[in-house]
Amino acid sequence: MKTFTNYAAQGDVRFRRVGALPAARTEVAPEQGKLIVTHSETGHHHVMVLDRAAEPSVRMYSGDDPLKAWLEVNRPTSLDHLREHDTHEPVMFAPGIYEVTRQREYTAEGFRKAQD
């Protein structure tokens, strides 16, 4: 399992530790006990499994930019890639605030989010 201090990546998603959450934000609801940090076109999502404590181990927020989100990590939690083969190694997050950015790629039609 990977650990990091300020920056990390897993597939087509990057993480950067920041000092605070943005003022304008909307909380993202978990799905079946998991926060889907990034959806995969093939169903092999990048997720954080929530524990069953009263205070969630992680909260996720979205904003105006569909390629950016934020994680508020309250207890050490790993980011896992839901694929049995050719998977990305899990990444352990320490408590803190993290900006999540989907990578973009350039095509003839313009920029689009990178597909993992």
PDB file of N, CA and C in Angstrom:
ATOM      1  N   MET A   1       0.851  -1.175   0.000  1.00  0.00           N
ATOM      2  CA  MET A   1       0.000   0.000   0.000  1.00  0.00           C
ATOM      3  C   MET A   1       0.896   1.237   0.000  1.00  0.00           C
ATOM      4  N   LYS A   2       0.570   2.197  -0.845  1.00  0.00           N
ATOM      5  CA  LYS A   2       1.328   3.443  -0.928  1.00  0.00           C
ATOM      6  C   LYS A   2       0.854   4.416   0.153  1.00  0.00           C
ATOM      7  N   THR A   3       1.774   5.226   0.639  1.00  0.00           N
ATOM      8  CA  THR A   3       1.431   6.352   1.506  1.00  0.00           C
ATOM      9  C   THR A   3       2.053   7.598   0.879  1.00  0.00           C
ATOM     10  N   PHE A   4       1.591   8.769   1.280  1.00  0.00           N
ATOM     11  CA  PHE A   4       2.125  10.000   0.716  1.00  0.00           C
ATOM     12  C   PHE A   4       1.938  11.143   1.688  1.00  0.00           C
ATOM     13  N   THR A   5       2.637  12.246   1.416  1.00  0.00           N
ATOM     14  CA  THR A   5       2.538  13.427   2.264  1.00  0.00           C
ATOM     15  C   THR A   5       1.705  14.522   1.612  1.00  0.00           C
ATOM     16  N   ASN A   6       2.075  14.944   0.394  1.00  0.00           N
ATOM     17  CA  ASN A   6       1.387  16.076  -0.232  1.00  0.00           C
ATOM     18  C   ASN A   6       0.711  15.750  -1.560  1.00  0.00           C
ATOM     19  N   TYR A   7       1.301  14.868  -2.362  1.00  0.00           N
ATOM     20  CA  TYR A   7       0.761  14.559  -3.691  1.00  0.00           C
ATOM     21  C   TYR A   7       0.727  13.048  -3.898  1.00  0.00           C
ATOM     22  N   ALA A   8      -0.301  12.595  -4.635  1.00  0.00           N
ATOM     23  CA  ALA A   8      -0.390  11.181  -5.018  1.00  0.00           C
ATOM     24  C   ALA A   8      -1.242  11.082  -6.276  1.00  0.00           C
ATOM     25  N   ALA A   9      -1.172   9.931  -6.928  1.00  0.00           N
ATOM     26  CA  ALA A   9      -2.010   9.662  -8.106  1.00  0.00           C
ATOM     27  C   ALA A   9      -2.382   8.191  -8.095  1.00  0.00           C
ATOM     28  N   GLN A  10      -3.518   7.910  -8.690  1.00  0.00           N
ATOM     29  CA  GLN A  10      -3.952   6.528  -8.896  1.00  0.00           C
ATOM     30  C   GLN A  10      -4.703   6.518 -10.223  1.00  0.00           C
ATOM     31  N   GLY A  11      -4.055   5.943 -11.250  1.00  0.00           N
ATOM     32  CA  GLY A  11      -4.676   5.940 -12.567  1.00  0.00           C
ATOM     33  C   GLY A  11      -4.846   7.348 -13.086  1.00  0.00           C
ATOM     34  N   ASP A  12      -6.068   7.716 -13.430  1.00  0.00           N
ATOM     35  CA  ASP A  12      -6.349   9.015 -14.039  1.00  0.00           C
ATOM     36  C   ASP A  12      -6.772  10.083 -13.033  1.00  0.00           C
ATOM     37  N   VAL A  13      -6.497   9.869 -11.757  1.00  0.00           N
ATOM     38  CA  VAL A  13      -6.903  10.828 -10.732  1.00  0.00           C
ATOM     39  C   VAL A  13      -5.684  11.215  -9.883  1.00  0.00           C
ATOM     40  N   ARG A  14      -5.596  12.533  -9.578  1.00  0.00           N
ATOM     41  CA  ARG A  14      -4.490  13.054  -8.776  1.00  0.00           C
ATOM     42  C   ARG A  14      -5.032  13.649  -7.483  1.00  0.00           C
ATOM     43  N   PHE A  15      -4.201  13.630  -6.439  1.00  0.00           N
ATOM     44  CA  PHE A  15      -4.584  14.140  -5.120  1.00  0.00           C
ATOM     45  C   PHE A  15      -3.516  15.104  -4.627  1.00  0.00           C
ATOM     46  N   ARG A  16      -3.978  16.208  -4.031  1.00  0.00           N
ATOM     47  CA  ARG A  16      -3.062  17.200  -3.471  1.00  0.00           C
ATOM     48  C   ARG A  16      -3.608  17.637  -2.127  1.00  0.00           C
ATOM     49  N   ARG A  17      -2.781  17.552  -1.102  1.00  0.00           N
ATOM     50  CA  ARG A  17      -3.189  18.000   0.228  1.00  0.00           C
ATOM     51  C   ARG A  17      -3.316  19.523   0.209  1.00  0.00           C
ATOM     52  N   VAL A  18      -4.431  20.041   0.739  1.00  0.00           N
ATOM     53  CA  VAL A  18      -4.679  21.484   0.797  1.00  0.00           C
ATOM     54  C   VAL A  18      -5.045  21.871   2.229  1.00  0.00           C
ATOM     55  N   GLY A  19      -5.069  23.175   2.494  1.00  0.00           N
ATOM     56  CA  GLY A  19      -5.314  23.650   3.850  1.00  0.00           C
ATOM     57  C   GLY A  19      -6.766  23.712   4.274  1.00  0.00           C
ATOM     58  N   ALA A  20      -7.691  23.863   3.298  1.00  0.00           N
ATOM     59  CA  ALA A  20      -9.099  24.044   3.666  1.00  0.00           C
ATOM     60  C   ALA A  20     -10.005  23.642   2.504  1.00  0.00           C
ATOM     61  N   LEU A  21     -11.247  23.384   2.846  1.00  0.00           N
ATOM     62  CA  LEU A  21     -12.270  23.110   1.834  1.00  0.00           C
ATOM     63  C   LEU A  21     -12.725  24.428   1.210  1.00  0.00           C
ATOM     64  N   PRO A  22     -13.193  24.409  -0.040  1.00  0.00           N
ATOM     65  CA  PRO A  22     -13.729  25.633  -0.632  1.00  0.00           C
ATOM     66  C   PRO A  22     -15.052  26.010   0.038  1.00  0.00           C
ATOM     67  N   ALA A  23     -15.370  27.287   0.014  1.00  0.00           N
ATOM     68  CA  ALA A  23     -16.617  27.755   0.633  1.00  0.00           C
ATOM     69  C   ALA A  23     -17.835  27.203  -0.104  1.00  0.00           C
ATOM     70  N   ALA A  24     -17.807  27.227  -1.438  1.00  0.00           N
ATOM     71  CA  ALA A  24     -18.941  26.739  -2.237  1.00  0.00           C
ATOM     72  C   ALA A  24     -18.698  25.264  -2.550  1.00  0.00           C
ATOM     73  N   ARG A  25     -19.469  24.408  -1.905  1.00  0.00           N
ATOM     74  CA  ARG A  25     -19.288  22.969  -2.109  1.00  0.00           C
ATOM     75  C   ARG A  25     -20.583  22.236  -1.787  1.00  0.00           C
ATOM     76  N   THR A  26     -20.711  21.043  -2.353  1.00  0.00           N
ATOM     77  CA  THR A  26     -21.864  20.180  -2.117  1.00  0.00           C
ATOM     78  C   THR A  26     -21.360  18.810  -1.711  1.00  0.00           C
ATOM     79  N   GLU A  27     -21.873  18.265  -0.620  1.00  0.00           N
ATOM     80  CA  GLU A  27     -21.428  16.950  -0.179  1.00  0.00           C
ATOM     81  C   GLU A  27     -21.930  15.870  -1.135  1.00  0.00           C
ATOM     82  N   VAL A  28     -21.056  14.932  -1.442  1.00  0.00           N
ATOM     83  CA  VAL A  28     -21.375  13.803  -2.322  1.00  0.00           C
ATOM     84  C   VAL A  28     -21.793  12.631  -1.442  1.00  0.00           C
ATOM     85  N   ALA A  29     -22.952  12.040  -1.739  1.00  0.00           N
ATOM     86  CA  ALA A  29     -23.469  10.934  -0.941  1.00  0.00           C
ATOM     87  C   ALA A  29     -22.740   9.633  -1.278  1.00  0.00           C
ATOM     88  N   PRO A  30     -22.446   8.831  -0.254  1.00  0.00           N
ATOM     89  CA  PRO A  30     -21.847   7.520  -0.516  1.00  0.00           C
ATOM     90  C   PRO A  30     -22.856   6.589  -1.185  1.00  0.00           C
ATOM     91  N   GLU A  31     -22.341   5.567  -1.840  1.00  0.00           N
ATOM     92  CA  GLU A  31     -23.180   4.548  -2.474  1.00  0.00           C
ATOM     93  C   GLU A  31     -22.815   3.197  -1.879  1.00  0.00           C
ATOM     94  N   GLN A  32     -23.752   2.591  -1.176  1.00  0.00           N
ATOM     95  CA  GLN A  32     -23.576   1.276  -0.563  1.00  0.00           C
ATOM     96  C   GLN A  32     -22.316   1.213   0.301  1.00  0.00           C
ATOM     97  N   GLY A  33     -22.124   2.229   1.151  1.00  0.00           N
ATOM     98  CA  GLY A  33     -21.008   2.244   2.084  1.00  0.00           C
ATOM     99  C   GLY A  33     -19.671   2.630   1.487  1.00  0.00           C
ATOM    100  N   LYS A  34     -19.670   3.119   0.235  1.00  0.00           N
ATOM    101  CA  LYS A  34     -18.431   3.508  -0.423  1.00  0.00           C
ATOM    102  C   LYS A  34     -18.586   4.908  -1.001  1.00  0.00           C
ATOM    103  N   LEU A  35     -17.503   5.669  -0.944  1.00  0.00           N
ATOM    104  CA  LEU A  35     -17.448   6.926  -1.675  1.00  0.00           C
ATOM    105  C   LEU A  35     -16.772   6.628  -2.999  1.00  0.00           C
ATOM    106  N   ILE A  36     -17.465   6.865  -4.082  1.00  0.00           N
ATOM    107  CA  ILE A  36     -16.870   6.667  -5.398  1.00  0.00           C
ATOM    108  C   ILE A  36     -16.145   7.957  -5.736  1.00  0.00           C
ATOM    109  N   VAL A  37     -14.823   7.926  -5.588  1.00  0.00           N
ATOM    110  CA  VAL A  37     -14.010   9.113  -5.806  1.00  0.00           C
ATOM    111  C   VAL A  37     -13.980   9.453  -7.285  1.00  0.00           C
ATOM    112  N   THR A  38     -13.797   8.450  -8.140  1.00  0.00           N
ATOM    113  CA  THR A  38     -13.934   8.642  -9.580  1.00  0.00           C
ATOM    114  C   THR A  38     -14.622   7.426 -10.173  1.00  0.00           C
ATOM    115  N   HIS A  39     -15.582   7.694 -11.039  1.00  0.00           N
ATOM    116  CA  HIS A  39     -16.283   6.642 -11.760  1.00  0.00           C
ATOM    117  C   HIS A  39     -15.427   6.216 -12.949  1.00  0.00           C
ATOM    118  N   SER A  40     -15.415   4.929 -13.215  1.00  0.00           N
ATOM    119  CA  SER A  40     -14.699   4.399 -14.365  1.00  0.00           C
ATOM    120  C   SER A  40     -15.712   4.028 -15.435  1.00  0.00           C
ATOM    121  N   GLU A  41     -15.335   4.225 -16.673  1.00  0.00           N
ATOM    122  CA  GLU A  41     -16.217   3.884 -17.789  1.00  0.00           C
ATOM    123  C   GLU A  41     -16.504   2.379 -17.829  1.00  0.00           C
ATOM    124  N   THR A  42     -15.603   1.581 -17.245  1.00  0.00           N
ATOM    125  CA  THR A  42     -15.753   0.121 -17.270  1.00  0.00           C
ATOM    126  C   THR A  42     -16.314  -0.436 -15.968  1.00  0.00           C
ATOM    127  N   GLY A  43     -16.642   0.446 -15.007  1.00  0.00           N
ATOM    128  CA  GLY A  43     -17.180  -0.005 -13.731  1.00  0.00           C
ATOM    129  C   GLY A  43     -16.112  -0.302 -12.689  1.00  0.00           C
ATOM    130  N   HIS A  44     -14.855  -0.094 -13.025  1.00  0.00           N
ATOM    131  CA  HIS A  44     -13.747  -0.319 -12.094  1.00  0.00           C
ATOM    132  C   HIS A  44     -13.415   1.003 -11.394  1.00  0.00           C
ATOM    133  N   HIS A  45     -14.299   1.405 -10.495  1.00  0.00           N
ATOM    134  CA  HIS A  45     -14.212   2.702  -9.841  1.00  0.00           C
ATOM    135  C   HIS A  45     -13.038   2.780  -8.864  1.00  0.00           C
ATOM    136  N   HIS A  46     -12.659   4.019  -8.524  1.00  0.00           N
ATOM    137  CA  HIS A  46     -11.689   4.302  -7.469  1.00  0.00           C
ATOM    138  C   HIS A  46     -12.531   4.703  -6.257  1.00  0.00           C
ATOM    139  N   VAL A  47     -12.469   3.909  -5.174  1.00  0.00           N
ATOM    140  CA  VAL A  47     -13.387   4.107  -4.049  1.00  0.00           C
ATOM    141  C   VAL A  47     -12.663   4.150  -2.710  1.00  0.00           C
ATOM    142  N   MET A  48     -13.347   4.743  -1.732  1.00  0.00           N
ATOM    143  CA  MET A  48     -12.923   4.709  -0.337  1.00  0.00           C
ATOM    144  C   MET A  48     -14.071   4.081   0.437  1.00  0.00           C
ATOM    145  N   VAL A  49     -13.788   2.981   1.127  1.00  0.00           N
ATOM    146  CA  VAL A  49     -14.811   2.280   1.911  1.00  0.00           C
ATOM    147  C   VAL A  49     -14.935   2.989   3.252  1.00  0.00           C
ATOM    148  N   LEU A  50     -16.164   3.310   3.613  1.00  0.00           N
ATOM    149  CA  LEU A  50     -16.420   4.020   4.863  1.00  0.00           C
ATOM    150  C   LEU A  50     -16.584   3.030   6.002  1.00  0.00           C
ATOM    151  N   ASP A  51     -16.078   3.406   7.184  1.00  0.00           N
ATOM    152  CA  ASP A  51     -16.313   2.561   8.345  1.00  0.00           C
ATOM    153  C   ASP A  51     -17.698   2.885   8.902  1.00  0.00           C
ATOM    154  N   ARG A  52     -18.128   2.138   9.872  1.00  0.00           N
ATOM    155  CA  ARG A  52     -19.488   2.292  10.389  1.00  0.00           C
ATOM    156  C   ARG A  52     -19.566   3.162  11.642  1.00  0.00           C
ATOM    157  N   ALA A  53     -18.580   3.985  11.890  1.00  0.00           N
ATOM    158  CA  ALA A  53     -18.590   4.865  13.062  1.00  0.00           C
ATOM    159  C   ALA A  53     -19.611   5.994  12.857  1.00  0.00           C
ATOM    160  N   ALA A  54     -19.956   6.664  13.946  1.00  0.00           N
ATOM    161  CA  ALA A  54     -20.934   7.756  13.881  1.00  0.00           C
ATOM    162  C   ALA A  54     -20.442   8.869  12.953  1.00  0.00           C
ATOM    163  N   GLU A  55     -19.169   9.210  13.049  1.00  0.00           N
ATOM    164  CA  GLU A  55     -18.571  10.232  12.163  1.00  0.00           C
ATOM    165  C   GLU A  55     -17.912   9.497  11.005  1.00  0.00           C
ATOM    166  N   PRO A  56     -18.309   9.779   9.760  1.00  0.00           N
ATOM    167  CA  PRO A  56     -17.689   9.078   8.617  1.00  0.00           C
ATOM    168  C   PRO A  56     -16.179   9.286   8.574  1.00  0.00           C
ATOM    169  N   SER A  57     -15.468   8.259   8.137  1.00  0.00           N
ATOM    170  CA  SER A  57     -14.009   8.369   8.030  1.00  0.00           C
ATOM    171  C   SER A  57     -13.619   9.342   6.930  1.00  0.00           C
ATOM    172  N   VAL A  58     -14.474   9.498   5.914  1.00  0.00           N
ATOM    173  CA  VAL A  58     -14.204  10.396   4.789  1.00  0.00           C
ATOM    174  C   VAL A  58     -15.506  11.036   4.330  1.00  0.00           C
ATOM    175  N   ARG A  59     -15.422  12.312   3.980  1.00  0.00           N
ATOM    176  CA  ARG A  59     -16.522  13.002   3.311  1.00  0.00           C
ATOM    177  C   ARG A  59     -15.962  13.527   1.991  1.00  0.00           C
ATOM    178  N   MET A  60     -16.819  13.532   0.970  1.00  0.00           N
ATOM    179  CA  MET A  60     -16.395  14.038  -0.334  1.00  0.00           C
ATOM    180  C   MET A  60     -17.312  15.181  -0.734  1.00  0.00           C
ATOM    181  N   TYR A  61     -16.721  16.189  -1.402  1.00  0.00           N
ATOM    182  CA  TYR A  61     -17.470  17.364  -1.829  1.00  0.00           C
ATOM    183  C   TYR A  61     -17.184  17.659  -3.295  1.00  0.00           C
ATOM    184  N   SER A  62     -18.194  18.151  -3.992  1.00  0.00           N
ATOM    185  CA  SER A  62     -18.019  18.585  -5.379  1.00  0.00           C
ATOM    186  C   SER A  62     -18.219  20.094  -5.432  1.00  0.00           C
ATOM    187  N   GLY A  63     -17.820  20.683  -6.570  1.00  0.00           N
ATOM    188  CA  GLY A  63     -17.989  22.118  -6.788  1.00  0.00           C
ATOM    189  C   GLY A  63     -18.474  22.351  -8.201  1.00  0.00           C
ATOM    190  N   ASP A  64     -18.156  23.503  -8.758  1.00  0.00           N
ATOM    191  CA  ASP A  64     -18.609  23.852 -10.104  1.00  0.00           C
ATOM    192  C   ASP A  64     -17.864  23.109 -11.207  1.00  0.00           C
ATOM    193  N   ASP A  65     -16.602  22.771 -10.977  1.00  0.00           N
ATOM    194  CA  ASP A  65     -15.774  22.102 -11.981  1.00  0.00           C
ATOM    195  C   ASP A  65     -15.983  20.591 -11.882  1.00  0.00           C
ATOM    196  N   PRO A  66     -16.512  19.944 -12.930  1.00  0.00           N
ATOM    197  CA  PRO A  66     -16.778  18.500 -12.855  1.00  0.00           C
ATOM    198  C   PRO A  66     -15.508  17.646 -12.786  1.00  0.00           C
ATOM    199  N   LEU A  67     -14.343  18.245 -13.032  1.00  0.00           N
ATOM    200  CA  LEU A  67     -13.084  17.498 -12.965  1.00  0.00           C
ATOM    201  C   LEU A  67     -12.367  17.689 -11.628  1.00  0.00           C
ATOM    202  N   LYS A  68     -13.052  18.326 -10.655  1.00  0.00           N
ATOM    203  CA  LYS A  68     -12.417  18.599  -9.366  1.00  0.00           C
ATOM    204  C   LYS A  68     -13.383  18.275  -8.231  1.00  0.00           C
ATOM    205  N   ALA A  69     -12.833  17.737  -7.138  1.00  0.00           N
ATOM    206  CA  ALA A  69     -13.603  17.449  -5.930  1.00  0.00           C
ATOM    207  C   ALA A  69     -12.656  17.571  -4.743  1.00  0.00           C
ATOM    208  N   TRP A  70     -13.187  17.364  -3.530  1.00  0.00           N
ATOM    209  CA  TRP A  70     -12.373  17.446  -2.319  1.00  0.00           C
ATOM    210  C   TRP A  70     -12.741  16.314  -1.388  1.00  0.00           C
ATOM    211  N   LEU A  71     -11.736  15.800  -0.685  1.00  0.00           N
ATOM    212  CA  LEU A  71     -11.933  14.770   0.335  1.00  0.00           C
ATOM    213  C   LEU A  71     -11.568  15.359   1.687  1.00  0.00           C
ATOM    214  N   GLU A  72     -12.429  15.128   2.665  1.00  0.00           N
ATOM    215  CA  GLU A  72     -12.146  15.487   4.050  1.00  0.00           C
ATOM    216  C   GLU A  72     -11.957  14.162   4.785  1.00  0.00           C
ATOM    217  N   VAL A  73     -10.716  13.812   5.055  1.00  0.00           N
ATOM    218  CA  VAL A  73     -10.382  12.520   5.658  1.00  0.00           C
ATOM    219  C   VAL A  73     -10.255  12.709   7.166  1.00  0.00           C
ATOM    220  N   ASN A  74     -11.085  11.992   7.928  1.00  0.00           N
ATOM    221  CA  ASN A  74     -11.098  12.123   9.386  1.00  0.00           C
ATOM    222  C   ASN A  74     -10.277  11.043  10.088  1.00  0.00           C
ATOM    223  N   ARG A  75     -10.112   9.894   9.459  1.00  0.00           N
ATOM    224  CA  ARG A  75      -9.303   8.794   9.986  1.00  0.00           C
ATOM    225  C   ARG A  75      -8.566   8.157   8.820  1.00  0.00           C
ATOM    226  N   PRO A  76      -7.407   7.543   9.051  1.00  0.00           N
ATOM    227  CA  PRO A  76      -6.693   6.906   7.943  1.00  0.00           C
ATOM    228  C   PRO A  76      -7.620   5.991   7.146  1.00  0.00           C
ATOM    229  N   THR A  77      -7.633   6.191   5.831  1.00  0.00           N
ATOM    230  CA  THR A  77      -8.525   5.451   4.936  1.00  0.00           C
ATOM    231  C   THR A  77      -7.806   5.213   3.619  1.00  0.00           C
ATOM    232  N   SER A  78      -8.010   4.036   3.029  1.00  0.00           N
ATOM    233  CA  SER A  78      -7.342   3.754   1.755  1.00  0.00           C
ATOM    234  C   SER A  78      -8.271   3.988   0.574  1.00  0.00           C
ATOM    235  N   LEU A  79      -7.646   4.376  -0.521  1.00  0.00           N
ATOM    236  CA  LEU A  79      -8.325   4.501  -1.808  1.00  0.00           C
ATOM    237  C   LEU A  79      -8.021   3.218  -2.566  1.00  0.00           C
ATOM    238  N   ASP A  80      -9.060   2.518  -2.997  1.00  0.00           N
ATOM    239  CA  ASP A  80      -8.905   1.232  -3.675  1.00  0.00           C
ATOM    240  C   ASP A  80      -9.461   1.302  -5.086  1.00  0.00           C
ATOM    241  N   HIS A  81      -8.862   0.527  -5.957  1.00  0.00           N
ATOM    242  CA  HIS A  81      -9.297   0.429  -7.353  1.00  0.00           C
ATOM    243  C   HIS A  81     -10.050  -0.890  -7.488  1.00  0.00           C
ATOM    244  N   LEU A  82     -11.325  -0.831  -7.885  1.00  0.00           N
ATOM    245  CA  LEU A  82     -12.176  -2.023  -7.926  1.00  0.00           C
ATOM    246  C   LEU A  82     -11.968  -2.819  -9.214  1.00  0.00           C
ATOM    247  N   ARG A  83     -10.840  -3.473  -9.295  1.00  0.00           N
ATOM    248  CA  ARG A  83     -10.571  -4.333 -10.434  1.00  0.00           C
ATOM    249  C   ARG A  83      -9.669  -5.455  -9.947  1.00  0.00           C
ATOM    250  N   GLU A  84      -9.964  -6.681 -10.364  1.00  0.00           N
ATOM    251  CA  GLU A  84      -9.215  -7.843  -9.883  1.00  0.00           C
ATOM    252  C   GLU A  84      -7.876  -8.018 -10.594  1.00  0.00           C
ATOM    253  N   HIS A  85      -7.748  -7.525 -11.814  1.00  0.00           N
ATOM    254  CA  HIS A  85      -6.507  -7.688 -12.575  1.00  0.00           C
ATOM    255  C   HIS A  85      -6.013  -6.312 -13.030  1.00  0.00           C
ATOM    256  N   ASP A  86      -4.737  -6.170 -13.264  1.00  0.00           N
ATOM    257  CA  ASP A  86      -4.147  -4.899 -13.697  1.00  0.00           C
ATOM    258  C   ASP A  86      -4.668  -3.726 -12.871  1.00  0.00           C
ATOM    259  N   THR A  87      -4.707  -3.926 -11.574  1.00  0.00           N
ATOM    260  CA  THR A  87      -5.258  -2.902 -10.688  1.00  0.00           C
ATOM    261  C   THR A  87      -4.171  -1.936 -10.223  1.00  0.00           C
ATOM    262  N   HIS A  88      -4.595  -0.777  -9.749  1.00  0.00           N
ATOM    263  CA  HIS A  88      -3.672   0.186  -9.161  1.00  0.00           C
ATOM    264  C   HIS A  88      -3.494  -0.167  -7.689  1.00  0.00           C
ATOM    265  N   GLU A  89      -2.293   0.016  -7.180  1.00  0.00           N
ATOM    266  CA  GLU A  89      -2.016  -0.251  -5.771  1.00  0.00           C
ATOM    267  C   GLU A  89      -2.839   0.699  -4.891  1.00  0.00           C
ATOM    268  N   PRO A  90      -3.399   0.211  -3.766  1.00  0.00           N
ATOM    269  CA  PRO A  90      -4.140   1.103  -2.865  1.00  0.00           C
ATOM    270  C   PRO A  90      -3.252   2.239  -2.357  1.00  0.00           C
ATOM    271  N   VAL A  91      -3.889   3.377  -2.068  1.00  0.00           N
ATOM    272  CA  VAL A  91      -3.196   4.548  -1.542  1.00  0.00           C
ATOM    273  C   VAL A  91      -3.822   4.878  -0.193  1.00  0.00           C
ATOM    274  N   MET A  92      -2.987   4.974   0.861  1.00  0.00           N
ATOM    275  CA  MET A  92      -3.480   5.292   2.208  1.00  0.00           C
ATOM    276  C   MET A  92      -3.454   6.801   2.418  1.00  0.00           C
ATOM    277  N   PHE A  93      -4.591   7.348   2.857  1.00  0.00           N
ATOM    278  CA  PHE A  93      -4.740   8.773   3.148  1.00  0.00           C
ATOM    279  C   PHE A  93      -4.701   8.980   4.655  1.00  0.00           C
ATOM    280  N   ALA A  94      -3.877   9.908   5.098  1.00  0.00           N
ATOM    281  CA  ALA A  94      -3.864  10.342   6.495  1.00  0.00           C
ATOM    282  C   ALA A  94      -4.965  11.390   6.666  1.00  0.00           C
ATOM    283  N   PRO A  95      -5.394  11.668   7.901  1.00  0.00           N
ATOM    284  CA  PRO A  95      -6.383  12.718   8.100  1.00  0.00           C
ATOM    285  C   PRO A  95      -5.923  14.045   7.485  1.00  0.00           C
ATOM    286  N   GLY A  96      -6.868  14.746   6.859  1.00  0.00           N
ATOM    287  CA  GLY A  96      -6.574  16.026   6.231  1.00  0.00           C
ATOM    288  C   GLY A  96      -7.567  16.334   5.131  1.00  0.00           C
ATOM    289  N   ILE A  97      -7.325  17.419   4.402  1.00  0.00           N
ATOM    290  CA  ILE A  97      -8.170  17.862   3.288  1.00  0.00           C
ATOM    291  C   ILE A  97      -7.369  17.672   2.005  1.00  0.00           C
ATOM    292  N   TYR A  98      -7.993  17.078   0.990  1.00  0.00           N
ATOM    293  CA  TYR A  98      -7.321  16.773  -0.272  1.00  0.00           C
ATOM    294  C   TYR A  98      -8.161  17.244  -1.451  1.00  0.00           C
ATOM    295  N   GLU A  99      -7.502  17.884  -2.398  1.00  0.00           N
ATOM    296  CA  GLU A  99      -8.137  18.242  -3.662  1.00  0.00           C
ATOM    297  C   GLU A  99      -7.976  17.053  -4.608  1.00  0.00           C
ATOM    298  N   VAL A 100      -9.057  16.683  -5.276  1.00  0.00           N
ATOM    299  CA  VAL A 100      -9.070  15.554  -6.212  1.00  0.00           C
ATOM    300  C   VAL A 100      -9.235  16.140  -7.615  1.00  0.00           C
ATOM    301  N   THR A 101      -8.331  15.801  -8.517  1.00  0.00           N
ATOM    302  CA  THR A 101      -8.402  16.317  -9.877  1.00  0.00           C
ATOM    303  C   THR A 101      -8.349  15.170 -10.865  1.00  0.00           C
ATOM    304  N   ARG A 102      -9.347  15.112 -11.739  1.00  0.00           N
ATOM    305  CA  ARG A 102      -9.313  14.150 -12.845  1.00  0.00           C
ATOM    306  C   ARG A 102      -8.351  14.668 -13.888  1.00  0.00           C
ATOM    307  N   GLN A 103      -7.511  13.807 -14.405  1.00  0.00           N
ATOM    308  CA  GLN A 103      -6.590  14.219 -15.447  1.00  0.00           C
ATOM    309  C   GLN A 103      -7.352  14.405 -16.752  1.00  0.00           C
ATOM    310  N   ARG A 104      -6.844  15.334 -17.575  1.00  0.00           N
ATOM    311  CA  ARG A 104      -7.458  15.609 -18.866  1.00  0.00           C
ATOM    312  C   ARG A 104      -6.504  15.197 -19.974  1.00  0.00           C
ATOM    313  N   GLU A 105      -7.070  14.896 -21.125  1.00  0.00           N
ATOM    314  CA  GLU A 105      -6.241  14.593 -22.293  1.00  0.00           C
ATOM    315  C   GLU A 105      -6.786  15.397 -23.467  1.00  0.00           C
ATOM    316  N   TYR A 106      -5.906  15.688 -24.406  1.00  0.00           N
ATOM    317  CA  TYR A 106      -6.299  16.483 -25.553  1.00  0.00           C
ATOM    318  C   TYR A 106      -6.662  15.566 -26.712  1.00  0.00           C
ATOM    319  N   THR A 107      -7.781  15.859 -27.351  1.00  0.00           N
ATOM    320  CA  THR A 107      -8.204  15.156 -28.564  1.00  0.00           C
ATOM    321  C   THR A 107      -8.450  16.213 -29.639  1.00  0.00           C
ATOM    322  N   ALA A 108      -8.730  15.793 -30.832  1.00  0.00           N
ATOM    323  CA  ALA A 108      -9.015  16.735 -31.921  1.00  0.00           C
ATOM    324  C   ALA A 108     -10.218  17.618 -31.593  1.00  0.00           C
ATOM    325  N   GLU A 109     -11.139  17.115 -30.785  1.00  0.00           N
ATOM    326  CA  GLU A 109     -12.327  17.869 -30.410  1.00  0.00           C
ATOM    327  C   GLU A 109     -12.068  18.810 -29.232  1.00  0.00           C
ATOM    328  N   GLY A 110     -10.916  18.705 -28.595  1.00  0.00           N
ATOM    329  CA  GLY A 110     -10.580  19.527 -27.430  1.00  0.00           C
ATOM    330  C   GLY A 110     -10.249  18.659 -26.238  1.00  0.00           C
ATOM    331  N   PHE A 111     -10.173  19.267 -25.058  1.00  0.00           N
ATOM    332  CA  PHE A 111      -9.833  18.527 -23.840  1.00  0.00           C
ATOM    333  C   PHE A 111     -11.017  17.707 -23.366  1.00  0.00           C
ATOM    334  N   ARG A 112     -10.717  16.543 -22.795  1.00  0.00           N
ATOM    335  CA  ARG A 112     -11.720  15.699 -22.141  1.00  0.00           C
ATOM    336  C   ARG A 112     -11.045  15.013 -20.975  1.00  0.00           C
ATOM    337  N   LYS A 113     -11.847  14.457 -20.055  1.00  0.00           N
ATOM    338  CA  LYS A 113     -11.222  13.778 -18.925  1.00  0.00           C
ATOM    339  C   LYS A 113     -10.564  12.502 -19.434  1.00  0.00           C
ATOM    340  N   ALA A 114      -9.402  12.217 -18.876  1.00  0.00           N
ATOM    341  CA  ALA A 114      -8.656  11.020 -19.277  1.00  0.00           C
ATOM    342  C   ALA A 114      -9.439   9.784 -18.860  1.00  0.00           C
ATOM    343  N   GLN A 115      -9.350   8.762 -19.669  1.00  0.00           N
ATOM    344  CA  GLN A 115     -10.051   7.516 -19.375  1.00  0.00           C
ATOM    345  C   GLN A 115      -9.046   6.492 -18.906  1.00  0.00           C
ATOM    346  N   ASP A 116      -9.356   5.863 -17.777  1.00  0.00           N
ATOM    347  CA  ASP A 116      -8.455   4.912 -17.150  1.00  0.00           C
ATOM    348  C   ASP A 116      -8.849   3.504 -17.544  1.00  0.00           C
TER     349      ASP A 116
END
